[in-house]
Amino acid sequence: MIKLVRTYKWALLFSICLSISIYTYIHYSYDSNIFLASIGGLATLYLGLIRYQLEYDRLFQELFTAFNTRYDKLNDDILDIRKRSESLKERDTKIIIDYFNLCAEEYLWYSRGRIPKSVWKAWKSGIDENLNTPIIKDLFILETKSINSASSYYGLRKELNI
């Protein structure tokens, strides 16, 4: 039921406001011009809210696709690095830093309300899993050690409690 209300909240709100307008018009005999203007205003507001939701969904889909595409390009290398216990090579370090930048961008968009909490929780779980690898975690700590470096990751270190 709650999911249904969330999905159709704007339609529900529009219906309630429309019902109140009709009730008020019938019972208090307002001028028909005022009634029609209120209906037009409600319809405009409703369509604007629907457009906003569609734009939000479009942006989320673009971000989601872009982030997953970038992650797919890094994933095999990250898995290989996680399997090794030796120190990182220069190429490995660049790959992991690219991964940290991707994670920071994902967090930035989440913190701005463009990524749903459920998606962020799934991504954060994957980040935590990768940070369970000591060489990856050590590099992350090194990268975010100074205040300037930590802020360049948009608060990701604080979010990850590291």
N, C-alpha and C. Protein backbone atom coordinates (compact mmCIF):
# COMPACT_ATOMS: atom_id res chain seq x y z
N MET A 1 0.82 -1.20 0.00
CA MET A 1 0.00 0.00 0.00
C MET A 1 0.87 1.27 0.00
N ILE A 2 1.91 1.26 0.85
CA ILE A 2 2.79 2.43 0.93
C ILE A 2 3.49 2.66 -0.40
N LYS A 3 3.95 1.59 -1.04
CA LYS A 3 4.61 1.73 -2.34
C LYS A 3 3.64 2.30 -3.37
N LEU A 4 2.39 1.87 -3.32
CA LEU A 4 1.38 2.37 -4.24
C LEU A 4 1.17 3.87 -4.04
N VAL A 5 1.11 4.31 -2.78
CA VAL A 5 0.94 5.73 -2.49
C VAL A 5 2.15 6.52 -2.98
N ARG A 6 3.37 5.99 -2.75
CA ARG A 6 4.57 6.68 -3.23
C ARG A 6 4.58 6.80 -4.75
N THR A 7 4.16 5.74 -5.42
CA THR A 7 4.17 5.72 -6.87
C THR A 7 3.17 6.73 -7.45
N TYR A 8 2.04 6.84 -6.84
CA TYR A 8 0.98 7.69 -7.37
C TYR A 8 0.70 8.91 -6.49
N LYS A 9 1.71 9.38 -5.75
CA LYS A 9 1.48 10.47 -4.80
C LYS A 9 1.00 11.75 -5.48
N TRP A 10 1.55 12.07 -6.66
CA TRP A 10 1.14 13.30 -7.32
C TRP A 10 -0.28 13.18 -7.86
N ALA A 11 -0.64 12.01 -8.38
CA ALA A 11 -2.00 11.80 -8.86
C ALA A 11 -2.98 11.85 -7.69
N LEU A 12 -2.59 11.28 -6.56
CA LEU A 12 -3.43 11.30 -5.37
C LEU A 12 -3.62 12.73 -4.88
N LEU A 13 -2.53 13.48 -4.81
CA LEU A 13 -2.61 14.87 -4.37
C LEU A 13 -3.47 15.70 -5.33
N PHE A 14 -3.28 15.49 -6.62
CA PHE A 14 -4.08 16.19 -7.62
C PHE A 14 -5.56 15.86 -7.46
N SER A 15 -5.87 14.58 -7.26
CA SER A 15 -7.27 14.15 -7.09
C SER A 15 -7.89 14.78 -5.86
N ILE A 16 -7.15 14.83 -4.77
CA ILE A 16 -7.67 15.44 -3.55
C ILE A 16 -7.94 16.93 -3.76
N CYS A 17 -6.98 17.63 -4.35
CA CYS A 17 -7.16 19.07 -4.60
C CYS A 17 -8.31 19.32 -5.58
N LEU A 18 -8.42 18.48 -6.58
CA LEU A 18 -9.52 18.61 -7.54
C LEU A 18 -10.86 18.40 -6.84
N SER A 19 -10.93 17.39 -5.99
CA SER A 19 -12.16 17.12 -5.25
C SER A 19 -12.53 18.29 -4.35
N ILE A 20 -11.54 18.86 -3.68
CA ILE A 20 -11.80 20.03 -2.82
C ILE A 20 -12.30 21.20 -3.66
N SER A 21 -11.70 21.42 -4.82
CA SER A 21 -12.14 22.51 -5.70
C SER A 21 -13.57 22.31 -6.17
N ILE A 22 -13.90 21.10 -6.58
CA ILE A 22 -15.27 20.81 -7.03
C ILE A 22 -16.26 20.97 -5.88
N TYR A 23 -15.91 20.43 -4.73
CA TYR A 23 -16.78 20.54 -3.55
C TYR A 23 -17.02 22.01 -3.21
N THR A 24 -15.95 22.79 -3.19
CA THR A 24 -16.06 24.22 -2.86
C THR A 24 -16.91 24.95 -3.89
N TYR A 25 -16.72 24.64 -5.16
CA TYR A 25 -17.49 25.29 -6.22
C TYR A 25 -18.98 24.97 -6.09
N ILE A 26 -19.30 23.71 -5.83
CA ILE A 26 -20.70 23.28 -5.74
C ILE A 26 -21.38 23.86 -4.49
N HIS A 27 -20.70 23.77 -3.35
CA HIS A 27 -21.34 24.16 -2.09
C HIS A 27 -21.29 25.65 -1.79
N TYR A 28 -20.36 26.36 -2.37
CA TYR A 28 -20.25 27.78 -2.06
C TYR A 28 -20.50 28.67 -3.26
N SER A 29 -20.90 28.09 -4.36
CA SER A 29 -21.28 28.81 -5.58
C SER A 29 -20.28 29.91 -5.97
N TYR A 30 -19.02 29.52 -6.08
CA TYR A 30 -18.01 30.47 -6.54
C TYR A 30 -18.19 30.74 -8.02
N ASP A 31 -17.63 31.85 -8.44
CA ASP A 31 -17.65 32.24 -9.84
C ASP A 31 -16.99 31.13 -10.67
N SER A 32 -17.59 30.80 -11.80
CA SER A 32 -17.05 29.71 -12.63
C SER A 32 -15.65 30.04 -13.16
N ASN A 33 -15.35 31.32 -13.36
CA ASN A 33 -14.00 31.70 -13.81
C ASN A 33 -12.95 31.34 -12.76
N ILE A 34 -13.28 31.56 -11.49
CA ILE A 34 -12.36 31.21 -10.40
C ILE A 34 -12.19 29.69 -10.36
N PHE A 35 -13.29 28.99 -10.51
CA PHE A 35 -13.25 27.53 -10.49
C PHE A 35 -12.38 27.00 -11.64
N LEU A 36 -12.62 27.50 -12.85
CA LEU A 36 -11.84 27.04 -14.00
C LEU A 36 -10.36 27.41 -13.87
N ALA A 37 -10.09 28.59 -13.31
CA ALA A 37 -8.70 28.99 -13.10
C ALA A 37 -8.01 28.07 -12.09
N SER A 38 -8.74 27.70 -11.04
CA SER A 38 -8.15 26.80 -10.05
C SER A 38 -7.90 25.41 -10.64
N ILE A 39 -8.81 24.94 -11.47
CA ILE A 39 -8.62 23.64 -12.14
C ILE A 39 -7.43 23.72 -13.09
N GLY A 40 -7.34 24.81 -13.84
CA GLY A 40 -6.20 25.00 -14.75
C GLY A 40 -4.88 25.06 -13.99
N GLY A 41 -4.88 25.76 -12.87
CA GLY A 41 -3.68 25.84 -12.04
C GLY A 41 -3.28 24.49 -11.48
N LEU A 42 -4.27 23.73 -11.02
CA LEU A 42 -3.99 22.39 -10.51
C LEU A 42 -3.44 21.48 -11.60
N ALA A 43 -4.04 21.56 -12.78
CA ALA A 43 -3.57 20.72 -13.89
C ALA A 43 -2.14 21.09 -14.28
N THR A 44 -1.85 22.39 -14.31
CA THR A 44 -0.49 22.84 -14.64
C THR A 44 0.50 22.36 -13.60
N LEU A 45 0.14 22.49 -12.34
CA LEU A 45 1.00 22.02 -11.26
C LEU A 45 1.22 20.51 -11.35
N TYR A 46 0.16 19.78 -11.59
CA TYR A 46 0.25 18.33 -11.70
C TYR A 46 1.17 17.92 -12.86
N LEU A 47 0.97 18.53 -14.02
CA LEU A 47 1.82 18.20 -15.17
C LEU A 47 3.28 18.58 -14.93
N GLY A 48 3.50 19.69 -14.23
CA GLY A 48 4.86 20.09 -13.87
C GLY A 48 5.52 19.07 -12.96
N LEU A 49 4.77 18.57 -12.00
CA LEU A 49 5.31 17.56 -11.08
C LEU A 49 5.60 16.25 -11.80
N ILE A 50 4.73 15.88 -12.72
CA ILE A 50 4.96 14.66 -13.51
C ILE A 50 6.22 14.84 -14.36
N ARG A 51 6.37 16.00 -14.96
CA ARG A 51 7.56 16.27 -15.78
C ARG A 51 8.82 16.22 -14.93
N TYR A 52 8.75 16.79 -13.73
CA TYR A 52 9.89 16.74 -12.82
C TYR A 52 10.26 15.29 -12.51
N GLN A 53 9.27 14.46 -12.21
CA GLN A 53 9.54 13.05 -11.89
C GLN A 53 10.15 12.32 -13.08
N LEU A 54 9.64 12.59 -14.28
CA LEU A 54 10.20 11.96 -15.48
C LEU A 54 11.65 12.40 -15.70
N GLU A 55 11.91 13.68 -15.48
CA GLU A 55 13.28 14.21 -15.64
C GLU A 55 14.22 13.60 -14.59
N TYR A 56 13.73 13.45 -13.38
CA TYR A 56 14.50 12.82 -12.31
C TYR A 56 14.83 11.37 -12.69
N ASP A 57 13.83 10.65 -13.18
CA ASP A 57 14.05 9.26 -13.59
C ASP A 57 15.03 9.16 -14.76
N ARG A 58 14.93 10.09 -15.70
CA ARG A 58 15.83 10.09 -16.85
C ARG A 58 17.27 10.33 -16.39
N LEU A 59 17.46 11.30 -15.51
CA LEU A 59 18.80 11.60 -15.00
C LEU A 59 19.35 10.40 -14.23
N PHE A 60 18.52 9.80 -13.39
CA PHE A 60 18.97 8.63 -12.64
C PHE A 60 19.39 7.51 -13.59
N GLN A 61 18.60 7.27 -14.62
CA GLN A 61 18.92 6.20 -15.57
C GLN A 61 20.24 6.48 -16.26
N GLU A 62 20.47 7.73 -16.65
CA GLU A 62 21.74 8.10 -17.30
C GLU A 62 22.92 7.90 -16.35
N LEU A 63 22.77 8.36 -15.11
CA LEU A 63 23.84 8.20 -14.13
C LEU A 63 24.10 6.73 -13.84
N PHE A 64 23.03 5.98 -13.64
CA PHE A 64 23.14 4.55 -13.32
C PHE A 64 23.88 3.81 -14.44
N THR A 65 23.48 4.07 -15.66
CA THR A 65 24.12 3.42 -16.81
C THR A 65 25.59 3.82 -16.93
N ALA A 66 25.86 5.11 -16.79
CA ALA A 66 27.25 5.59 -16.91
C ALA A 66 28.12 5.00 -15.81
N PHE A 67 27.63 5.00 -14.58
CA PHE A 67 28.42 4.46 -13.47
C PHE A 67 28.66 2.96 -13.64
N ASN A 68 27.65 2.23 -14.04
CA ASN A 68 27.82 0.78 -14.22
C ASN A 68 28.75 0.46 -15.38
N THR A 69 28.69 1.25 -16.43
CA THR A 69 29.60 1.04 -17.57
C THR A 69 31.05 1.27 -17.13
N ARG A 70 31.26 2.36 -16.39
CA ARG A 70 32.62 2.64 -15.90
C ARG A 70 33.10 1.55 -14.94
N TYR A 71 32.20 1.09 -14.08
CA TYR A 71 32.58 0.04 -13.13
C TYR A 71 32.91 -1.26 -13.86
N ASP A 72 32.11 -1.59 -14.87
CA ASP A 72 32.37 -2.82 -15.64
C ASP A 72 33.77 -2.82 -16.25
N LYS A 73 34.24 -1.65 -16.67
CA LYS A 73 35.59 -1.55 -17.26
C LYS A 73 36.69 -1.77 -16.22
N LEU A 74 36.39 -1.47 -14.96
CA LEU A 74 37.39 -1.60 -13.89
C LEU A 74 37.29 -2.93 -13.13
N ASN A 75 36.14 -3.56 -13.20
CA ASN A 75 35.83 -4.68 -12.31
C ASN A 75 36.83 -5.84 -12.40
N ASP A 76 37.16 -6.30 -13.60
CA ASP A 76 38.08 -7.44 -13.73
C ASP A 76 39.44 -7.12 -13.12
N ASP A 77 39.93 -5.92 -13.38
CA ASP A 77 41.22 -5.52 -12.81
C ASP A 77 41.16 -5.45 -11.28
N ILE A 78 40.07 -4.92 -10.76
CA ILE A 78 39.92 -4.83 -9.31
C ILE A 78 39.89 -6.22 -8.69
N LEU A 79 39.17 -7.14 -9.32
CA LEU A 79 39.13 -8.52 -8.81
C LEU A 79 40.52 -9.15 -8.82
N ASP A 80 41.28 -8.91 -9.88
CA ASP A 80 42.66 -9.43 -9.94
C ASP A 80 43.52 -8.84 -8.82
N ILE A 81 43.38 -7.56 -8.60
CA ILE A 81 44.16 -6.89 -7.54
C ILE A 81 43.78 -7.45 -6.18
N ARG A 82 42.49 -7.69 -5.97
CA ARG A 82 42.03 -8.23 -4.68
C ARG A 82 42.61 -9.61 -4.41
N LYS A 83 42.85 -10.39 -5.46
CA LYS A 83 43.37 -11.76 -5.29
C LYS A 83 44.85 -11.76 -4.91
N ARG A 84 45.56 -10.70 -5.29
CA ARG A 84 47.00 -10.63 -5.02
C ARG A 84 47.26 -10.02 -3.65
N SER A 85 48.34 -10.43 -3.04
CA SER A 85 48.70 -9.85 -1.74
C SER A 85 49.95 -8.97 -1.84
N GLU A 86 50.54 -8.94 -3.03
CA GLU A 86 51.76 -8.14 -3.20
C GLU A 86 51.42 -6.66 -3.30
N SER A 87 52.45 -5.84 -3.28
CA SER A 87 52.23 -4.40 -3.37
C SER A 87 51.71 -4.03 -4.76
N LEU A 88 51.07 -2.87 -4.81
CA LEU A 88 50.45 -2.42 -6.06
C LEU A 88 51.49 -1.91 -7.04
N LYS A 89 51.28 -2.27 -8.30
CA LYS A 89 52.09 -1.71 -9.38
C LYS A 89 51.50 -0.36 -9.74
N GLU A 90 52.23 0.43 -10.52
CA GLU A 90 51.75 1.76 -10.89
C GLU A 90 50.42 1.68 -11.63
N ARG A 91 50.28 0.74 -12.54
CA ARG A 91 49.04 0.55 -13.28
C ARG A 91 47.89 0.20 -12.33
N ASP A 92 48.17 -0.67 -11.36
CA ASP A 92 47.14 -1.06 -10.38
C ASP A 92 46.70 0.15 -9.55
N THR A 93 47.66 0.96 -9.16
CA THR A 93 47.35 2.16 -8.37
C THR A 93 46.43 3.08 -9.16
N LYS A 94 46.72 3.28 -10.44
CA LYS A 94 45.87 4.14 -11.28
C LYS A 94 44.45 3.56 -11.39
N ILE A 95 44.35 2.25 -11.54
CA ILE A 95 43.03 1.61 -11.64
C ILE A 95 42.24 1.82 -10.35
N ILE A 96 42.90 1.61 -9.22
CA ILE A 96 42.22 1.76 -7.93
C ILE A 96 41.83 3.22 -7.69
N ILE A 97 42.68 4.15 -8.06
CA ILE A 97 42.33 5.57 -7.91
C ILE A 97 41.16 5.93 -8.83
N ASP A 98 41.14 5.40 -10.04
CA ASP A 98 39.97 5.60 -10.92
C ASP A 98 38.71 5.05 -10.25
N TYR A 99 38.85 3.91 -9.60
CA TYR A 99 37.72 3.31 -8.88
C TYR A 99 37.28 4.22 -7.73
N PHE A 100 38.22 4.76 -6.98
CA PHE A 100 37.87 5.67 -5.88
C PHE A 100 37.14 6.90 -6.41
N ASN A 101 37.61 7.42 -7.54
CA ASN A 101 36.94 8.58 -8.15
C ASN A 101 35.52 8.23 -8.57
N LEU A 102 35.33 7.05 -9.13
CA LEU A 102 33.99 6.59 -9.49
C LEU A 102 33.11 6.51 -8.25
N CYS A 103 33.62 5.91 -7.19
CA CYS A 103 32.87 5.78 -5.94
C CYS A 103 32.50 7.16 -5.39
N ALA A 104 33.45 8.09 -5.46
CA ALA A 104 33.20 9.45 -4.96
C ALA A 104 32.11 10.14 -5.78
N GLU A 105 32.12 9.94 -7.09
CA GLU A 105 31.07 10.53 -7.93
C GLU A 105 29.72 9.92 -7.61
N GLU A 106 29.69 8.61 -7.42
CA GLU A 106 28.43 7.96 -7.04
C GLU A 106 27.91 8.54 -5.74
N TYR A 107 28.81 8.71 -4.77
CA TYR A 107 28.40 9.28 -3.48
C TYR A 107 27.93 10.72 -3.63
N LEU A 108 28.62 11.50 -4.44
CA LEU A 108 28.22 12.89 -4.67
C LEU A 108 26.78 12.95 -5.17
N TRP A 109 26.48 12.15 -6.18
CA TRP A 109 25.13 12.17 -6.74
C TRP A 109 24.10 11.61 -5.77
N TYR A 110 24.49 10.65 -4.95
CA TYR A 110 23.60 10.16 -3.90
C TYR A 110 23.32 11.27 -2.89
N SER A 111 24.37 11.96 -2.46
CA SER A 111 24.20 13.01 -1.45
C SER A 111 23.39 14.19 -1.99
N ARG A 112 23.34 14.35 -3.30
CA ARG A 112 22.53 15.41 -3.91
C ARG A 112 21.11 14.94 -4.20
N GLY A 113 20.79 13.71 -3.82
CA GLY A 113 19.43 13.20 -3.98
C GLY A 113 19.12 12.64 -5.35
N ARG A 114 20.13 12.39 -6.17
CA ARG A 114 19.89 11.89 -7.53
C ARG A 114 20.00 10.38 -7.64
N ILE A 115 20.54 9.74 -6.61
CA ILE A 115 20.65 8.29 -6.58
C ILE A 115 19.79 7.81 -5.41
N PRO A 116 18.85 6.91 -5.64
CA PRO A 116 18.01 6.41 -4.54
C PRO A 116 18.85 5.70 -3.47
N LYS A 117 18.35 5.76 -2.24
CA LYS A 117 19.06 5.16 -1.11
C LYS A 117 19.31 3.67 -1.32
N SER A 118 18.33 2.96 -1.87
CA SER A 118 18.49 1.51 -2.08
C SER A 118 19.65 1.21 -3.03
N VAL A 119 19.82 2.02 -4.06
CA VAL A 119 20.92 1.83 -5.01
C VAL A 119 22.24 2.16 -4.33
N TRP A 120 22.27 3.28 -3.59
CA TRP A 120 23.50 3.64 -2.90
C TRP A 120 23.92 2.55 -1.90
N LYS A 121 22.95 1.98 -1.18
CA LYS A 121 23.28 0.93 -0.22
C LYS A 121 23.94 -0.26 -0.92
N ALA A 122 23.45 -0.61 -2.10
CA ALA A 122 24.04 -1.73 -2.85
C ALA A 122 25.45 -1.37 -3.30
N TRP A 123 25.62 -0.17 -3.83
CA TRP A 123 26.95 0.26 -4.27
C TRP A 123 27.91 0.35 -3.08
N LYS A 124 27.42 0.91 -1.97
CA LYS A 124 28.26 1.05 -0.77
C LYS A 124 28.70 -0.32 -0.26
N SER A 125 27.82 -1.28 -0.34
CA SER A 125 28.17 -2.65 0.06
C SER A 125 29.34 -3.17 -0.77
N GLY A 126 29.31 -2.92 -2.06
CA GLY A 126 30.41 -3.32 -2.94
C GLY A 126 31.70 -2.57 -2.63
N ILE A 127 31.58 -1.29 -2.32
CA ILE A 127 32.76 -0.50 -1.95
C ILE A 127 33.37 -1.06 -0.67
N ASP A 128 32.51 -1.33 0.32
CA ASP A 128 32.99 -1.91 1.58
C ASP A 128 33.71 -3.23 1.33
N GLU A 129 33.16 -4.04 0.45
CA GLU A 129 33.78 -5.33 0.13
C GLU A 129 35.18 -5.14 -0.47
N ASN A 130 35.30 -4.20 -1.38
CA ASN A 130 36.62 -3.92 -1.97
C ASN A 130 37.59 -3.34 -0.94
N LEU A 131 37.07 -2.55 -0.02
CA LEU A 131 37.93 -1.96 1.01
C LEU A 131 38.33 -2.97 2.09
N ASN A 132 37.74 -4.14 2.06
CA ASN A 132 38.17 -5.22 2.96
C ASN A 132 39.53 -5.78 2.54
N THR A 133 39.94 -5.46 1.32
CA THR A 133 41.25 -5.87 0.84
C THR A 133 42.27 -4.86 1.36
N PRO A 134 43.22 -5.29 2.18
CA PRO A 134 44.14 -4.35 2.84
C PRO A 134 44.88 -3.40 1.89
N ILE A 135 45.37 -3.88 0.74
CA ILE A 135 46.12 -2.98 -0.14
C ILE A 135 45.23 -1.89 -0.74
N ILE A 136 43.96 -2.22 -0.96
CA ILE A 136 43.02 -1.22 -1.49
C ILE A 136 42.66 -0.23 -0.38
N LYS A 137 42.38 -0.74 0.80
CA LYS A 137 42.04 0.14 1.93
C LYS A 137 43.21 1.06 2.28
N ASP A 138 44.42 0.52 2.29
CA ASP A 138 45.59 1.34 2.61
C ASP A 138 45.77 2.47 1.60
N LEU A 139 45.54 2.17 0.33
CA LEU A 139 45.65 3.22 -0.70
C LEU A 139 44.56 4.27 -0.50
N PHE A 140 43.36 3.85 -0.15
CA PHE A 140 42.27 4.80 0.08
C PHE A 140 42.61 5.71 1.26
N ILE A 141 43.12 5.15 2.33
CA ILE A 141 43.50 5.95 3.49
C ILE A 141 44.61 6.93 3.11
N LEU A 142 45.58 6.46 2.37
CA LEU A 142 46.67 7.32 1.91
C LEU A 142 46.14 8.45 1.03
N GLU A 143 45.23 8.12 0.12
CA GLU A 143 44.65 9.11 -0.80
C GLU A 143 43.83 10.16 -0.07
N THR A 144 43.22 9.80 1.03
CA THR A 144 42.31 10.71 1.74
C THR A 144 42.91 11.20 3.06
N LYS A 145 44.21 11.04 3.22
CA LYS A 145 44.87 11.37 4.49
C LYS A 145 44.78 12.86 4.82
N SER A 146 45.09 13.71 3.87
CA SER A 146 45.04 15.15 4.13
C SER A 146 43.62 15.67 3.98
N ILE A 147 43.38 16.82 4.56
CA ILE A 147 42.04 17.43 4.48
C ILE A 147 41.68 17.73 3.03
N ASN A 148 42.63 18.24 2.25
CA ASN A 148 42.37 18.55 0.84
C ASN A 148 42.04 17.29 0.06
N SER A 149 42.78 16.23 0.30
CA SER A 149 42.52 14.97 -0.42
C SER A 149 41.18 14.38 -0.02
N ALA A 150 40.87 14.45 1.27
CA ALA A 150 39.60 13.91 1.74
C ALA A 150 38.43 14.65 1.11
N SER A 151 38.55 15.98 0.98
CA SER A 151 37.45 16.75 0.40
C SER A 151 37.33 16.51 -1.10
N SER A 152 38.41 16.08 -1.75
CA SER A 152 38.32 15.82 -3.18
C SER A 152 37.48 14.58 -3.48
N TYR A 153 37.21 13.81 -2.46
CA TYR A 153 36.33 12.64 -2.62
C TYR A 153 34.92 12.93 -2.10
N TYR A 154 34.57 14.20 -1.97
CA TYR A 154 33.22 14.67 -1.66
C TYR A 154 32.63 14.10 -0.36
N GLY A 155 33.48 13.78 0.60
CA GLY A 155 32.98 13.25 1.87
C GLY A 155 32.80 11.75 1.90
N LEU A 156 33.31 11.06 0.89
CA LEU A 156 33.15 9.60 0.81
C LEU A 156 33.79 8.90 2.00
N ARG A 157 34.97 9.37 2.42
CA ARG A 157 35.65 8.70 3.54
C ARG A 157 34.79 8.75 4.80
N LYS A 158 34.18 9.90 5.05
CA LYS A 158 33.31 10.03 6.22
C LYS A 158 32.10 9.09 6.09
N GLU A 159 31.54 9.02 4.91
CA GLU A 159 30.39 8.13 4.67
C GLU A 159 30.76 6.67 4.91
N LEU A 160 31.99 6.31 4.57
CA LEU A 160 32.43 4.92 4.73
C LEU A 160 32.98 4.63 6.13
N ASN A 161 33.04 5.66 6.97
CA ASN A 161 33.53 5.52 8.35
C ASN A 161 34.95 4.96 8.40
N ILE A 162 35.81 5.50 7.59
CA ILE A 162 37.21 5.05 7.58
C ILE A 162 38.08 6.17 8.12
